[in-house]
C-alpha atoms as a PDB file:
ATOM      1  CA  MET A   1     -15.567 -31.797  31.250  1.00  0.00           C
ATOM      2  CA  LEU A   2     -12.685 -34.155  31.946  1.00  0.00           C
ATOM      3  CA  SER A   3     -10.477 -35.038  29.006  1.00  0.00           C
ATOM      4  CA  ILE A   4     -10.304 -38.636  27.811  1.00  0.00           C
ATOM      5  CA  ALA A   5      -6.740 -38.842  29.129  1.00  0.00           C
ATOM      6  CA  GLN A   6      -7.852 -37.645  32.582  1.00  0.00           C
ATOM      7  CA  ARG A   7     -10.628 -40.237  32.749  1.00  0.00           C
ATOM      8  CA  ILE A   8      -8.308 -43.061  31.756  1.00  0.00           C
ATOM      9  CA  ASN A   9      -5.585 -41.942  34.140  1.00  0.00           C
ATOM     10  CA  ALA A  10      -8.001 -41.840  37.080  1.00  0.00           C
ATOM     11  CA  PHE A  11      -9.217 -45.379  36.450  1.00  0.00           C
ATOM     12  CA  ALA A  12      -5.671 -46.619  35.909  1.00  0.00           C
ATOM     13  CA  GLN A  13      -4.731 -45.212  39.318  1.00  0.00           C
ATOM     14  CA  LEU A  14      -7.796 -46.891  40.828  1.00  0.00           C
ATOM     15  CA  GLY A  15      -6.578 -50.173  39.338  1.00  0.00           C
ATOM     16  CA  SER A  16      -3.129 -49.683  40.857  1.00  0.00           C
ATOM     17  CA  HIS A  17      -4.733 -48.844  44.216  1.00  0.00           C
ATOM     18  CA  ILE A  18      -6.795 -52.060  44.177  1.00  0.00           C
ATOM     19  CA  GLY A  19      -3.736 -54.068  43.168  1.00  0.00           C
ATOM     20  CA  ALA A  20      -1.785 -52.598  46.063  1.00  0.00           C
ATOM     21  CA  PHE A  21      -4.617 -53.541  48.429  1.00  0.00           C
ATOM     22  CA  LEU A  22      -4.630 -57.126  47.179  1.00  0.00           C
ATOM     23  CA  ASP A  23      -0.861 -57.302  47.743  1.00  0.00           C
ATOM     24  CA  GLY A  24      -1.137 -55.668  51.169  1.00  0.00           C
ATOM     25  CA  ARG A  25       0.995 -52.695  50.080  1.00  0.00           C
ATOM     26  CA  LEU A  26      -1.319 -49.803  50.998  1.00  0.00           C
ATOM     27  CA  PRO A  27      -0.805 -47.639  54.079  1.00  0.00           C
ATOM     28  CA  ASP A  28      -2.749 -49.056  57.025  1.00  0.00           C
ATOM     29  CA  GLU A  29      -5.616 -46.557  56.846  1.00  0.00           C
ATOM     30  CA  LYS A  30      -6.209 -47.101  53.127  1.00  0.00           C
ATOM     31  CA  GLN A  31      -5.821 -50.875  53.469  1.00  0.00           C
ATOM     32  CA  GLU A  32      -8.366 -50.918  56.263  1.00  0.00           C
ATOM     33  CA  PHE A  33     -10.846 -48.791  54.280  1.00  0.00           C
ATOM     34  CA  ILE A  34     -11.217 -51.439  51.571  1.00  0.00           C
ATOM     35  CA  GLN A  35     -11.028 -54.306  54.060  1.00  0.00           C
ATOM     36  CA  ASN A  36     -13.944 -52.782  56.009  1.00  0.00           C
ATOM     37  CA  ALA A  37     -15.970 -52.635  52.790  1.00  0.00           C
ATOM     38  CA  VAL A  38     -15.176 -56.306  52.201  1.00  0.00           C
ATOM     39  CA  ARG A  39     -16.265 -57.230  55.730  1.00  0.00           C
ATOM     40  CA  GLN A  40     -19.484 -55.225  55.465  1.00  0.00           C
ATOM     41  CA  SER A  41     -20.332 -56.838  52.131  1.00  0.00           C
ATOM     42  CA  ILE A  42     -19.903 -60.306  53.627  1.00  0.00           C
ATOM     43  CA  LEU A  43     -22.177 -59.372  56.537  1.00  0.00           C
ATOM     44  CA  GLU A  44     -24.891 -58.090  54.231  1.00  0.00           C
ATOM     45  CA  ASN A  45     -24.737 -60.915  51.684  1.00  0.00           C
ATOM     46  CA  PRO A  46     -23.822 -64.400  52.958  1.00  0.00           C
ATOM     47  CA  TRP A  47     -23.097 -65.536  49.368  1.00  0.00           C
ATOM     48  CA  PHE A  48     -20.145 -63.137  49.282  1.00  0.00           C
ATOM     49  CA  THR A  49     -16.943 -64.540  50.732  1.00  0.00           C
ATOM     50  CA  GLU A  50     -13.641 -62.764  51.180  1.00  0.00           C
ATOM     51  CA  GLU A  51     -12.029 -65.040  48.605  1.00  0.00           C
ATOM     52  CA  ASN A  52     -14.659 -64.300  45.977  1.00  0.00           C
ATOM     53  CA  ILE A  53     -14.616 -60.559  46.661  1.00  0.00           C
ATOM     54  CA  ARG A  54     -10.844 -60.504  46.315  1.00  0.00           C
ATOM     55  CA  LEU A  55     -11.151 -62.405  43.024  1.00  0.00           C
ATOM     56  CA  ALA A  56     -13.670 -59.828  41.811  1.00  0.00           C
ATOM     57  CA  LEU A  57     -11.287 -57.036  42.826  1.00  0.00           C
ATOM     58  CA  LEU A  58      -8.494 -58.840  40.985  1.00  0.00           C
ATOM     59  CA  GLY A  59     -10.654 -58.925  37.861  1.00  0.00           C
ATOM     60  CA  VAL A  60     -11.292 -55.177  38.127  1.00  0.00           C
ATOM     61  CA  SER A  61      -7.670 -54.282  38.751  1.00  0.00           C
ATOM     62  CA  SER A  62      -6.519 -56.511  35.873  1.00  0.00           C
ATOM     63  CA  MET A  63      -8.494 -54.503  33.335  1.00  0.00           C
ATOM     64  CA  LEU A  64      -7.565 -51.067  34.708  1.00  0.00           C
ATOM     65  CA  HIS A  65      -4.098 -50.787  33.203  1.00  0.00           C
ATOM     66  CA  GLU A  66      -3.494 -47.593  31.257  1.00  0.00           C
ATOM     67  CA  PRO A  67      -2.294 -49.281  28.024  1.00  0.00           C
ATOM     68  CA  LEU A  68      -5.327 -51.604  28.069  1.00  0.00           C
ATOM     69  CA  LEU A  69      -7.718 -48.715  28.645  1.00  0.00           C
ATOM     70  CA  GLU A  70      -6.126 -46.645  25.905  1.00  0.00           C
ATOM     71  CA  HIS A  71      -6.239 -49.517  23.421  1.00  0.00           C
ATOM     72  CA  TRP A  72      -9.886 -50.167  24.311  1.00  0.00           C
ATOM     73  CA  VAL A  73     -11.160 -46.630  23.780  1.00  0.00           C
ATOM     74  CA  LYS A  74      -9.084 -46.139  20.631  1.00  0.00           C
ATOM     75  CA  SER A  75     -11.791 -48.020  18.713  1.00  0.00           C
ATOM     76  CA  TYR A  76     -14.367 -45.309  19.498  1.00  0.00           C
ATOM     77  CA  ASP A  77     -14.805 -41.632  18.737  1.00  0.00           C
ATOM     78  CA  LEU A  78     -15.360 -40.423  22.295  1.00  0.00           C
ATOM     79  CA  THR A  79     -15.224 -36.808  21.102  1.00  0.00           C
ATOM     80  CA  ARG A  80     -18.820 -37.320  19.958  1.00  0.00           C
ATOM     81  CA  VAL A  81     -19.846 -36.877  23.598  1.00  0.00           C
ATOM     82  CA  ASP A  82     -19.404 -33.127  23.936  1.00  0.00           C
ATOM     83  CA  THR A  83     -22.130 -32.641  26.547  1.00  0.00           C
ATOM     84  CA  PRO A  84     -22.459 -35.172  29.378  1.00  0.00           C
ATOM     85  CA  LYS A  85     -25.852 -36.794  29.775  1.00  0.00           C
ATOM     86  CA  THR A  86     -27.169 -38.830  32.684  1.00  0.00           C
ATOM     87  CA  VAL A  87     -27.295 -42.603  32.310  1.00  0.00           C
ATOM     88  CA  ALA A  88     -29.341 -44.560  34.838  1.00  0.00           C
ATOM     89  CA  VAL A  89     -27.766 -47.944  35.525  1.00  0.00           C
ATOM     90  CA  VAL A  90     -29.795 -50.589  37.347  1.00  0.00           C
ATOM     91  CA  MET A  91     -27.238 -53.060  38.654  1.00  0.00           C
ATOM     92  CA  ALA A  92     -27.540 -56.711  39.588  1.00  0.00           C
ATOM     93  CA  GLY A  93     -26.032 -58.097  42.781  1.00  0.00           C
ATOM     94  CA  ASN A  94     -25.556 -61.779  42.081  1.00  0.00           C
ATOM     95  CA  ILE A  95     -21.757 -61.591  42.320  1.00  0.00           C
ATOM     96  CA  PRO A  96     -19.436 -58.921  43.765  1.00  0.00           C
ATOM     97  CA  LEU A  97     -18.946 -55.788  41.626  1.00  0.00           C
ATOM     98  CA  VAL A  98     -20.956 -57.202  38.724  1.00  0.00           C
ATOM     99  CA  GLY A  99     -21.953 -53.638  37.774  1.00  0.00           C
ATOM    100  CA  PHE A 100     -18.422 -52.211  37.688  1.00  0.00           C
ATOM    101  CA  HIS A 101     -17.974 -52.503  33.917  1.00  0.00           C
ATOM    102  CA  ASP A 102     -21.100 -50.405  33.278  1.00  0.00           C
ATOM    103  CA  PHE A 103     -19.823 -47.863  35.821  1.00  0.00           C
ATOM    104  CA  LEU A 104     -16.511 -47.710  33.961  1.00  0.00           C
ATOM    105  CA  CYS A 105     -18.137 -47.454  30.530  1.00  0.00           C
ATOM    106  CA  VAL A 106     -20.436 -44.571  31.431  1.00  0.00           C
ATOM    107  CA  LEU A 107     -17.682 -42.473  33.003  1.00  0.00           C
ATOM    108  CA  VAL A 108     -15.034 -43.218  30.373  1.00  0.00           C
ATOM    109  CA  ALA A 109     -17.555 -42.254  27.674  1.00  0.00           C
ATOM    110  CA  GLY A 110     -17.893 -38.843  29.335  1.00  0.00           C
ATOM    111  CA  HIS A 111     -21.393 -39.179  30.790  1.00  0.00           C
ATOM    112  CA  CYS A 112     -22.826 -38.994  34.314  1.00  0.00           C
ATOM    113  CA  ILE A 113     -23.970 -42.162  36.050  1.00  0.00           C
ATOM    114  CA  LYS A 114     -26.993 -42.523  38.305  1.00  0.00           C
ATOM    115  CA  ALA A 115     -26.542 -46.032  39.702  1.00  0.00           C
ATOM    116  CA  ARG A 116     -29.290 -48.020  41.376  1.00  0.00           C
ATOM    117  CA  LEU A 117     -27.390 -50.633  43.380  1.00  0.00           C
ATOM    118  CA  SER A 118     -28.757 -54.037  44.267  1.00  0.00           C
ATOM    119  CA  SER A 119     -29.341 -54.514  47.981  1.00  0.00           C
ATOM    120  CA  ASP A 120     -27.138 -57.613  47.643  1.00  0.00           C
ATOM    121  CA  ASP A 121     -24.085 -55.579  46.581  1.00  0.00           C
ATOM    122  CA  LYS A 122     -24.392 -52.004  47.809  1.00  0.00           C
ATOM    123  CA  VAL A 123     -21.065 -51.483  49.588  1.00  0.00           C
ATOM    124  CA  LEU A 124     -18.169 -52.303  47.278  1.00  0.00           C
ATOM    125  CA  LEU A 125     -18.805 -50.005  44.308  1.00  0.00           C
ATOM    126  CA  PRO A 126     -19.391 -46.876  46.440  1.00  0.00           C
ATOM    127  CA  ALA A 127     -16.130 -47.704  48.239  1.00  0.00           C
ATOM    128  CA  LEU A 128     -14.234 -47.908  44.937  1.00  0.00           C
ATOM    129  CA  SER A 129     -15.953 -44.718  43.812  1.00  0.00           C
ATOM    130  CA  ARG A 130     -14.572 -42.884  46.858  1.00  0.00           C
ATOM    131  CA  ILE A 131     -11.085 -44.042  45.955  1.00  0.00           C
ATOM    132  CA  LEU A 132     -11.597 -42.944  42.331  1.00  0.00           C
ATOM    133  CA  LEU A 133     -12.570 -39.466  43.568  1.00  0.00           C
ATOM    134  CA  GLU A 134      -9.313 -39.227  45.499  1.00  0.00           C
ATOM    135  CA  TYR A 135      -7.491 -39.467  42.179  1.00  0.00           C
ATOM    136  CA  GLU A 136      -9.941 -37.353  40.181  1.00  0.00           C
ATOM    137  CA  PRO A 137     -12.225 -35.143  42.323  1.00  0.00           C
ATOM    138  CA  LEU A 138     -13.974 -33.733  39.231  1.00  0.00           C
ATOM    139  CA  PHE A 139     -15.764 -37.054  38.837  1.00  0.00           C
ATOM    140  CA  SER A 140     -17.823 -36.059  41.903  1.00  0.00           C
ATOM    141  CA  ASN A 141     -20.300 -34.232  39.679  1.00  0.00           C
ATOM    142  CA  GLN A 142     -20.772 -37.314  37.510  1.00  0.00           C
ATOM    143  CA  ILE A 143     -21.471 -40.055  40.063  1.00  0.00           C
ATOM    144  CA  VAL A 144     -24.718 -40.553  41.988  1.00  0.00           C
ATOM    145  CA  PHE A 145     -25.799 -43.661  43.865  1.00  0.00           C
ATOM    146  CA  GLU A 146     -29.584 -43.700  44.036  1.00  0.00           C
ATOM    147  CA  SER A 147     -31.566 -45.696  46.583  1.00  0.00           C
ATOM    148  CA  GLY A 148     -35.024 -44.403  45.719  1.00  0.00           C
ATOM    149  CA  LYS A 149     -36.973 -44.059  42.508  1.00  0.00           C
ATOM    150  CA  LEU A 150     -34.903 -43.282  39.435  1.00  0.00           C
ATOM    151  CA  ASP A 151     -35.716 -40.041  37.675  1.00  0.00           C
ATOM    152  CA  ALA A 152     -34.059 -37.264  35.657  1.00  0.00           C
ATOM    153  CA  PHE A 153     -32.016 -39.400  33.286  1.00  0.00           C
ATOM    154  CA  ASP A 154     -31.471 -39.596  29.537  1.00  0.00           C
ATOM    155  CA  ALA A 155     -30.736 -43.288  28.924  1.00  0.00           C
ATOM    156  CA  VAL A 156     -30.851 -46.576  30.800  1.00  0.00           C
ATOM    157  CA  ILE A 157     -28.757 -49.715  31.236  1.00  0.00           C
ATOM    158  CA  ALA A 158     -30.626 -52.300  33.309  1.00  0.00           C
ATOM    159  CA  THR A 159     -29.667 -55.836  34.257  1.00  0.00           C
ATOM    160  CA  GLY A 160     -32.044 -58.360  35.749  1.00  0.00           C
ATOM    161  CA  SER A 161     -33.872 -61.629  35.351  1.00  0.00           C
ATOM    162  CA  ASN A 162     -36.154 -62.477  32.453  1.00  0.00           C
ATOM    163  CA  ASN A 163     -39.096 -61.411  34.616  1.00  0.00           C
ATOM    164  CA  THR A 164     -37.647 -58.052  35.641  1.00  0.00           C
ATOM    165  CA  ALA A 165     -36.514 -57.433  32.064  1.00  0.00           C
ATOM    166  CA  ARG A 166     -40.151 -57.346  30.963  1.00  0.00           C
ATOM    167  CA  TYR A 167     -40.805 -54.712  33.614  1.00  0.00           C
ATOM    168  CA  PHE A 168     -37.727 -52.755  32.527  1.00  0.00           C
ATOM    169  CA  GLU A 169     -38.840 -52.859  28.881  1.00  0.00           C
ATOM    170  CA  TYR A 170     -42.190 -51.358  29.834  1.00  0.00           C
ATOM    171  CA  TYR A 171     -40.933 -48.823  32.372  1.00  0.00           C
ATOM    172  CA  PHE A 172     -37.998 -47.549  30.282  1.00  0.00           C
ATOM    173  CA  GLU A 173     -39.503 -47.937  26.799  1.00  0.00           C
ATOM    174  CA  LYS A 174     -39.373 -44.216  25.993  1.00  0.00           C
ATOM    175  CA  TYR A 175     -35.649 -43.936  26.789  1.00  0.00           C
ATOM    176  CA  PRO A 176     -32.658 -45.208  24.819  1.00  0.00           C
ATOM    177  CA  HIS A 177     -31.828 -48.388  26.682  1.00  0.00           C
ATOM    178  CA  ILE A 178     -29.925 -51.629  27.067  1.00  0.00           C
ATOM    179  CA  ILE A 179     -31.954 -54.279  28.877  1.00  0.00           C
ATOM    180  CA  ARG A 180     -30.198 -57.491  29.891  1.00  0.00           C
ATOM    181  CA  ARG A 181     -31.836 -60.817  30.705  1.00  0.00           C
ATOM    182  CA  ASN A 182     -30.809 -64.200  32.053  1.00  0.00           C
ATOM    183  CA  ARG A 183     -27.914 -65.831  30.252  1.00  0.00           C
ATOM    184  CA  ASN A 184     -25.808 -68.888  30.928  1.00  0.00           C
ATOM    185  CA  SER A 185     -22.355 -70.116  30.004  1.00  0.00           C
ATOM    186  CA  VAL A 186     -21.310 -73.549  28.814  1.00  0.00           C
ATOM    187  CA  ALA A 187     -18.106 -75.528  28.397  1.00  0.00           C
ATOM    188  CA  ILE A 188     -17.177 -77.982  25.681  1.00  0.00           C
ATOM    189  CA  LEU A 189     -14.770 -80.820  26.439  1.00  0.00           C
ATOM    190  CA  SER A 190     -12.844 -82.665  23.751  1.00  0.00           C
ATOM    191  CA  GLY A 191     -11.708 -85.351  26.185  1.00  0.00           C
ATOM    192  CA  ASN A 192      -8.062 -84.353  25.770  1.00  0.00           C
ATOM    193  CA  GLU A 193      -8.038 -81.653  28.459  1.00  0.00           C
ATOM    194  CA  SER A 194      -5.038 -81.373  30.743  1.00  0.00           C
ATOM    195  CA  GLU A 195      -5.050 -81.190  34.511  1.00  0.00           C
ATOM    196  CA  ALA A 196      -4.573 -77.414  34.165  1.00  0.00           C
ATOM    197  CA  ASP A 197      -7.645 -77.229  31.913  1.00  0.00           C
ATOM    198  CA  TYR A 198      -9.738 -78.989  34.537  1.00  0.00           C
ATOM    199  CA  GLN A 199      -8.399 -76.697  37.240  1.00  0.00           C
ATOM    200  CA  GLY A 200      -9.424 -73.729  35.104  1.00  0.00           C
ATOM    201  CA  LEU A 201     -12.839 -75.248  34.425  1.00  0.00           C
ATOM    202  CA  SER A 202     -13.315 -75.640  38.171  1.00  0.00           C
ATOM    203  CA  LYS A 203     -12.932 -71.870  38.524  1.00  0.00           C
ATOM    204  CA  ASP A 204     -15.343 -71.284  35.664  1.00  0.00           C
ATOM    205  CA  ILE A 205     -17.959 -73.442  37.366  1.00  0.00           C
ATOM    206  CA  PHE A 206     -17.528 -72.825  41.078  1.00  0.00           C
ATOM    207  CA  MET A 207     -16.223 -69.263  41.445  1.00  0.00           C
ATOM    208  CA  HIS A 208     -18.944 -67.199  43.178  1.00  0.00           C
ATOM    209  CA  PHE A 209     -20.725 -70.548  43.792  1.00  0.00           C
ATOM    210  CA  GLY A 210     -21.902 -70.533  40.182  1.00  0.00           C
ATOM    211  CA  LEU A 211     -24.141 -67.474  40.622  1.00  0.00           C
ATOM    212  CA  GLY A 212     -22.780 -65.394  37.730  1.00  0.00           C
ATOM    213  CA  CYS A 213     -23.983 -65.388  34.137  1.00  0.00           C
ATOM    214  CA  ARG A 214     -20.398 -66.182  33.094  1.00  0.00           C
ATOM    215  CA  ASN A 215     -20.293 -69.256  35.349  1.00  0.00           C
ATOM    216  CA  VAL A 216     -20.419 -72.516  33.433  1.00  0.00           C
ATOM    217  CA  THR A 217     -23.699 -74.272  34.235  1.00  0.00           C
ATOM    218  CA  LYS A 218     -23.554 -76.949  31.549  1.00  0.00           C
ATOM    219  CA  VAL A 219     -20.736 -79.069  30.116  1.00  0.00           C
ATOM    220  CA  TYR A 220     -20.759 -80.898  26.776  1.00  0.00           C
ATOM    221  CA  PHE A 221     -19.005 -84.277  26.775  1.00  0.00           C
ATOM    222  CA  PRO A 222     -17.712 -86.283  23.820  1.00  0.00           C
ATOM    223  CA  GLU A 223     -19.748 -89.470  23.673  1.00  0.00           C
ATOM    224  CA  TRP A 224     -17.008 -91.655  25.150  1.00  0.00           C
ATOM    225  CA  LEU A 225     -16.296 -89.485  28.221  1.00  0.00           C
ATOM    226  CA  THR A 226     -18.087 -90.849  31.275  1.00  0.00           C
ATOM    227  CA  PRO A 227     -19.618 -88.763  34.075  1.00  0.00           C
ATOM    228  CA  ASP A 228     -17.457 -90.655  36.570  1.00  0.00           C
ATOM    229  CA  ASP A 229     -14.325 -89.616  34.655  1.00  0.00           C
ATOM    230  CA  PHE A 230     -15.486 -86.004  34.715  1.00  0.00           C
ATOM    231  CA  ILE A 231     -16.189 -86.076  38.440  1.00  0.00           C
ATOM    232  CA  ARG A 232     -12.848 -87.712  39.128  1.00  0.00           C
ATOM    233  CA  ARG A 233     -10.882 -85.111  37.167  1.00  0.00           C
ATOM    234  CA  LEU A 234     -12.747 -81.936  38.189  1.00  0.00           C
ATOM    235  CA  PRO A 235     -11.203 -80.399  41.337  1.00  0.00           C
ATOM    236  CA  VAL A 236     -13.606 -78.829  43.818  1.00  0.00           C
ATOM    237  CA  PRO A 237     -12.678 -75.742  45.878  1.00  0.00           C
ATOM    238  CA  GLU A 238     -11.699 -76.763  49.369  1.00  0.00           C
ATOM    239  CA  GLY A 239     -14.427 -76.132  51.910  1.00  0.00           C
ATOM    240  CA  MET A 240     -17.087 -75.104  49.382  1.00  0.00           C
ATOM    241  CA  ILE A 241     -19.491 -77.824  50.497  1.00  0.00           C
ATOM    242  CA  HIS A 242     -19.267 -76.458  54.044  1.00  0.00           C
ATOM    243  CA  HIS A 243     -20.533 -73.008  53.070  1.00  0.00           C
ATOM    244  CA  PRO A 244     -24.032 -72.945  54.666  1.00  0.00           C
ATOM    245  CA  LYS A 245     -25.968 -71.519  51.721  1.00  0.00           C
ATOM    246  CA  TYR A 246     -24.226 -73.700  49.144  1.00  0.00           C
ATOM    247  CA  ALA A 247     -24.648 -76.788  51.338  1.00  0.00           C
ATOM    248  CA  ASN A 248     -28.361 -76.061  51.742  1.00  0.00           C
ATOM    249  CA  ASN A 249     -28.746 -75.925  47.955  1.00  0.00           C
ATOM    250  CA  TYR A 250     -26.797 -79.156  47.524  1.00  0.00           C
ATOM    251  CA  ASP A 251     -28.928 -80.973  50.128  1.00  0.00           C
ATOM    252  CA  TYR A 252     -32.179 -79.578  48.740  1.00  0.00           C
ATOM    253  CA  ASN A 253     -31.474 -80.439  45.103  1.00  0.00           C
ATOM    254  CA  LYS A 254     -30.258 -83.907  46.038  1.00  0.00           C
ATOM    255  CA  ALA A 255     -33.468 -84.501  48.005  1.00  0.00           C
ATOM    256  CA  VAL A 256     -35.610 -83.319  45.075  1.00  0.00           C
ATOM    257  CA  PHE A 257     -33.803 -85.640  42.668  1.00  0.00           C
ATOM    258  CA  LEU A 258     -34.204 -88.571  45.054  1.00  0.00           C
ATOM    259  CA  ILE A 259     -37.895 -87.909  45.664  1.00  0.00           C
ATOM    260  CA  ASN A 260     -38.559 -87.558  41.938  1.00  0.00           C
ATOM    261  CA  ARG A 261     -36.380 -90.601  41.207  1.00  0.00           C
ATOM    262  CA  SER A 262     -34.344 -88.503  38.782  1.00  0.00           C
ATOM    263  CA  SER A 263     -31.105 -89.900  37.463  1.00  0.00           C
ATOM    264  CA  PHE A 264     -28.022 -88.020  38.692  1.00  0.00           C
ATOM    265  CA  TYR A 265     -24.411 -88.438  39.781  1.00  0.00           C
ATOM    266  CA  ASP A 266     -23.281 -87.334  43.227  1.00  0.00           C
ATOM    267  CA  SER A 267     -19.684 -86.174  43.676  1.00  0.00           C
ATOM    268  CA  GLY A 268     -20.175 -85.392  47.351  1.00  0.00           C
ATOM    269  CA  SER A 269     -19.725 -81.684  46.594  1.00  0.00           C
ATOM    270  CA  PHE A 270     -21.896 -81.167  43.507  1.00  0.00           C
ATOM    271  CA  LEU A 271     -24.550 -83.007  41.546  1.00  0.00           C
ATOM    272  CA  LEU A 272     -24.155 -83.906  37.881  1.00  0.00           C
ATOM    273  CA  ARG A 273     -27.252 -84.446  35.757  1.00  0.00           C
ATOM    274  CA  GLU A 274     -27.798 -85.201  32.078  1.00  0.00           C
ATOM    275  CA  GLU A 275     -30.068 -82.393  30.896  1.00  0.00           C
ATOM    276  CA  THR A 276     -30.671 -80.341  27.747  1.00  0.00           C
ATOM    277  CA  ALA A 277     -31.364 -77.057  29.588  1.00  0.00           C
ATOM    278  CA  PHE A 278     -28.578 -74.503  30.005  1.00  0.00           C
ATOM    279  CA  THR A 279     -29.762 -73.198  33.369  1.00  0.00           C
ATOM    280  CA  SER A 280     -28.956 -75.348  36.376  1.00  0.00           C
ATOM    281  CA  PRO A 281     -29.606 -74.805  40.098  1.00  0.00           C
ATOM    282  CA  VAL A 282     -26.761 -73.897  42.437  1.00  0.00           C
ATOM    283  CA  SER A 283     -24.713 -77.047  43.226  1.00  0.00           C
ATOM    284  CA  VAL A 284     -25.925 -78.794  40.035  1.00  0.00           C
ATOM    285  CA  ILE A 285     -23.993 -79.107  36.763  1.00  0.00           C
ATOM    286  CA  HIS A 286     -25.841 -80.168  33.643  1.00  0.00           C
ATOM    287  CA  PHE A 287     -24.128 -82.239  30.994  1.00  0.00           C
ATOM    288  CA  GLU A 288     -24.988 -83.419  27.518  1.00  0.00           C
ATOM    289  CA  ARG A 289     -23.120 -85.693  25.130  1.00  0.00           C
ATOM    290  CA  TYR A 290     -22.341 -84.569  21.594  1.00  0.00           C
ATOM    291  CA  PRO A 291     -21.498 -86.853  18.652  1.00  0.00           C
ATOM    292  CA  ASP A 292     -19.570 -84.379  16.510  1.00  0.00           C
ATOM    293  CA  PRO A 293     -18.072 -80.898  17.147  1.00  0.00           C
ATOM    294  CA  ALA A 294     -19.543 -79.537  13.900  1.00  0.00           C
ATOM    295  CA  VAL A 295     -23.045 -80.595  14.933  1.00  0.00           C
ATOM    296  CA  LEU A 296     -22.583 -78.987  18.352  1.00  0.00           C
ATOM    297  CA  ARG A 297     -21.315 -75.730  16.830  1.00  0.00           C
ATOM    298  CA  GLU A 298     -24.413 -75.582  14.655  1.00  0.00           C
ATOM    299  CA  GLN A 299     -26.634 -76.307  17.648  1.00  0.00           C
ATOM    300  CA  LEU A 300     -25.088 -73.591  19.794  1.00  0.00           C
ATOM    301  CA  SER A 301     -25.140 -71.061  16.950  1.00  0.00           C
ATOM    302  CA  HIS A 302     -28.936 -71.077  17.273  1.00  0.00           C
ATOM    303  CA  ALA A 303     -28.755 -70.380  21.019  1.00  0.00           C
ATOM    304  CA  GLN A 304     -26.594 -67.246  21.025  1.00  0.00           C
ATOM    305  CA  THR A 305     -29.249 -65.133  22.752  1.00  0.00           C
ATOM    306  CA  GLU A 306     -29.179 -67.553  25.698  1.00  0.00           C
ATOM    307  CA  LEU A 307     -25.402 -67.799  26.077  1.00  0.00           C
ATOM    308  CA  GLN A 308     -22.992 -65.396  27.743  1.00  0.00           C
ATOM    309  CA  CYS A 309     -19.804 -67.239  26.853  1.00  0.00           C
ATOM    310  CA  VAL A 310     -18.484 -70.614  25.724  1.00  0.00           C
ATOM    311  CA  VAL A 311     -15.444 -72.119  27.444  1.00  0.00           C
ATOM    312  CA  ALA A 312     -13.451 -74.531  25.281  1.00  0.00           C
ATOM    313  CA  ASP A 313     -10.303 -75.108  23.297  1.00  0.00           C
ATOM    314  CA  ALA A 314     -10.294 -72.698  20.355  1.00  0.00           C
ATOM    315  CA  ARG A 315      -9.724 -75.632  17.990  1.00  0.00           C
ATOM    316  CA  ILE A 316     -13.186 -76.947  18.894  1.00  0.00           C
ATOM    317  CA  TYR A 317     -15.263 -73.777  18.965  1.00  0.00           C
ATOM    318  CA  PRO A 318     -14.605 -70.277  17.551  1.00  0.00           C
ATOM    319  CA  ALA A 319     -14.466 -67.139  19.736  1.00  0.00           C
ATOM    320  CA  VAL A 320     -14.201 -69.108  22.952  1.00  0.00           C
ATOM    321  CA  VAL A 321     -13.058 -68.168  26.434  1.00  0.00           C
ATOM    322  CA  PRO A 322      -9.991 -70.173  27.598  1.00  0.00           C
ATOM    323  CA  PHE A 323     -10.397 -72.496  30.560  1.00  0.00           C
ATOM    324  CA  GLY A 324     -10.200 -70.574  33.831  1.00  0.00           C
ATOM    325  CA  GLN A 325     -10.964 -67.151  32.331  1.00  0.00           C
ATOM    326  CA  ALA A 326     -14.776 -67.052  32.307  1.00  0.00           C
ATOM    327  CA  GLN A 327     -14.932 -64.782  35.360  1.00  0.00           C
ATOM    328  CA  PHE A 328     -12.166 -62.501  34.128  1.00  0.00           C
ATOM    329  CA  PRO A 329     -13.665 -60.727  31.099  1.00  0.00           C
ATOM    330  CA  GLN A 330     -11.634 -58.258  29.063  1.00  0.00           C
ATOM    331  CA  LEU A 331     -12.683 -54.641  28.569  1.00  0.00           C
ATOM    332  CA  HIS A 332     -14.267 -55.469  25.212  1.00  0.00           C
ATOM    333  CA  ASP A 333     -16.216 -58.461  26.564  1.00  0.00           C
ATOM    334  CA  TYR A 334     -19.588 -56.747  26.807  1.00  0.00           C
ATOM    335  CA  ALA A 335     -22.423 -58.489  28.633  1.00  0.00           C
ATOM    336  CA  ASP A 336     -24.954 -60.033  26.234  1.00  0.00           C
ATOM    337  CA  GLY A 337     -22.666 -59.005  23.375  1.00  0.00           C
ATOM    338  CA  VAL A 338     -24.023 -55.442  23.339  1.00  0.00           C
ATOM    339  CA  ASP A 339     -21.309 -52.801  22.847  1.00  0.00           C
ATOM    340  CA  VAL A 340     -21.991 -50.397  25.713  1.00  0.00           C
ATOM    341  CA  ILE A 341     -19.502 -47.720  24.643  1.00  0.00           C
ATOM    342  CA  ASP A 342     -20.976 -47.628  21.135  1.00  0.00           C
ATOM    343  CA  PHE A 343     -24.441 -47.204  22.688  1.00  0.00           C
ATOM    344  CA  LEU A 344     -23.205 -44.423  24.982  1.00  0.00           C
ATOM    345  CA  ILE A 345     -21.682 -42.319  22.204  1.00  0.00           C
ATOM    346  CA  ARG A 346     -24.678 -42.720  19.898  1.00  0.00           C
ATOM    347  CA  PHE A 347     -27.853 -42.262  21.957  1.00  0.00           C
END
C-alpha cells in the first residue's frame, strides 16, 4: 500500500504536469497527448470548448500543490485506512473533469476507485490517470474505469439529478454511500461592487455556459439596483452567443417568454428574469430584490440543502465564495457540504 507521502507526491507531480501543459512547457509528445484528449472531448461533447477545458485543468492544477495537499490531509487520520477497499464513483459530465475531486479523495484516502464515467466526459479523466501512473505506477492496481454494470465494491459516491438520485438511493441503499442531487449557486450584490467584482461574477455565471452546480443561476439585488444597471455592468464572454448550443437555448427561452407574455430583460446575450426559483435554464439569469441583508441571510439559511455556494462580499454574507472563484473550489470545498475524506476513512 502506498504511503500517504507517496500518494500526495504523485498528485503534486500530476499538478505540475498539467501546469506545464497549460504553459506549453511539456515536450512535444506529452503536450500533444493532453491536447488530443482535449480535442476528443470537444468532438464528443459540443458543450465542451477548449477554453472551458483549459479552465477546468487550471482548477485541477491549482489545487495539486504539495503544501496544499499536505495541509488538507493533516486534518484527517488517514492511517485508519489500513486495508484498501473499493469505492464505486458514479460521475456526472455536465462540466469538464467534474468528477476529479472524488477521484483524488478516494486515492489519497488509500482506497481503490471504480469510476463510472459519464458519456459526456469520458476522455479527460482517463488521460490524467495515465499521466498519474507515469509518476506512481503502483496506483495501477487502484484505478478502474468501468463502462458496464458496477459490481464488487464496498461503498458508493454517486452524483446525478434529483431523479437519478432517487434511483441511486434505491440501488445503493445497502452500501455506505454519498448521493448528490441538484444544487444551485447564487450571488448577492450590495450595489457597491467594483468593475473587477462584475468581471468575476461574469465568470461565476457564464463559465461552462452555466452548466455547473457552482455556476451562479440567480442574483439578489438591493431594491434600488435596476436590471438595466446590472445588464450594463455585467461583461459577457466574447463570442458566447455564437456558440450553437448556447444560442439555441437563448433563442428557445426567449421565444417561450414571448409566447407566454412573460416579463423579462434581454441583454442580447442572456435573458434576465425576476423569479423566486434558484434553478434557471441555460442563457437565463434569475434575479430577486431583497430589502435587508439580514432578512436575506435568514431566508437563505433555510435553503442550504438547495445551494452549492453563495458568491458575495463577506461583509454581506458569512462563508461566501469571492467573486470570480465559484468554479475554482479549494480542496476542502466538498460538493453538497459532505466531507468525502471523513466518509472514506469511516465507512
